[in-house]
Amino acid sequence: MDNKKKPLEGAIVTPVILSSDKMTLSQFNGDKKAWPVYLTIGNISKDIRHQVSAHAMLLIGYLPVSKLECFQKKTWSLAGYCLFHHAMSLLLHPLVDAGHHGKEMISADGYLCQVHPILTAYIADFPEQCLVGCNKESHCPCCLVQSNQCGDLEECMCYSMADTLKTLQCMKFDVEGLCAVFDPFWKELPFTDIFACLTPDILHQLHKGIFHDHLVQWCMSIIGEKEINVHFQAMTQYSSLHHFKKGITSVLQWTGTEHKEMKRVFVSLLVGAVDDHVLTIVHSLLDFIYYVQLQWHMDLTLTVMEDSLKTFHGHKHILVELQVCEDFNVPKIHSLQHYISLI
């Protein structure tokens, strides 16, 4: 027998990680768009997966990008959902048999192994998370919270694949905020809970969502655009800090790096400009965002994250009293409740 092979004494599970993101290819020549789907596996170390030269993330296909003009305009959204799930089911069909019965593969150490690839994570932004879970974008893709209760700090029952499929077959879509997709691509995938596969989206949910679209806008409503620009412009220049010499309202395209630079000085620039209760809100949300990004988590860090979220919800009524906002029924704010359980 070849010394590189040995009898199959068992099997191993390979966690499959998918990622997709519809993107615009050119802003100068029409509206060319592409919708790539990437695949990697959890057996590969995270630091290696992040190296482009390692080629640990493979392009497995492109999803169709269509304007769906052959359908009536009011059915475009539903047709897009059905087209996405049909294309994904074709793309991931090999995982069904391989997940059930396994496939013989040569591992990195040269031995022959029986491998069961199981979908365990799907990386996507919020609209695509709703697309994957067959949810309407006004609802949470992870749990059954009502759209008018997203701002409350209350635990809700998570979606169950079995119950969701029954609901789709019974056509009770509006009750749970589902779309009429009768054959979602994850229906036949073995040992997969698609609602547990959806991962937190730090860039869109935290950096661009909670911080820039909400927290910064709330503070700007309190002290005014001109005043907040003055505070950023008056910031002392330091070699390790980004200096926003033109303020922040003139920036048209924000990046994750610029959001991180803003957060480093945001609390200190607001001291004396806003009420202490507002400062507590800012401090609690920034603490939560920073703790989420830790490379390692313990019970202590998760407890601090939970306390930060409770502090925000305990003081958020101040913003309503200041007429900054009417309510907090925003899916991105609600999504913070799922971060601890997902970690």
Foldseek 3Di string as FASTA:
>chain_A
DPPLEDDAPDAEEWAKEKEWDKDAPDPPPPRDIWIWMKIATPVDDPVLVPDVVSCRIGTQDIQDDDQPPVDPPVCSVLVVLQSVQVVLLVSCVVLLVCQVFFDWDQDPSSYTHGYRYAHQAYEYDQVVLCSLQQADSLDASFFQDDLVCLQDPDDGHTDFPVVVLVCLVVVVCVNRRGHNHNRGSCPRRPPDGSSLRYADDLVVLPLCNCVPVPLVLLLCVQQNQVLQQVLQLPDDDDPVADRPVRGDPVDDDDDSVVSVRCLVCVLVSCVVVDDPLSSLLSVLSSLLSVLLPDPDDDPVSLVSNVVSLVSNSVRVVVSVVVVSDPGDSDNSNSCSSCSSVSD
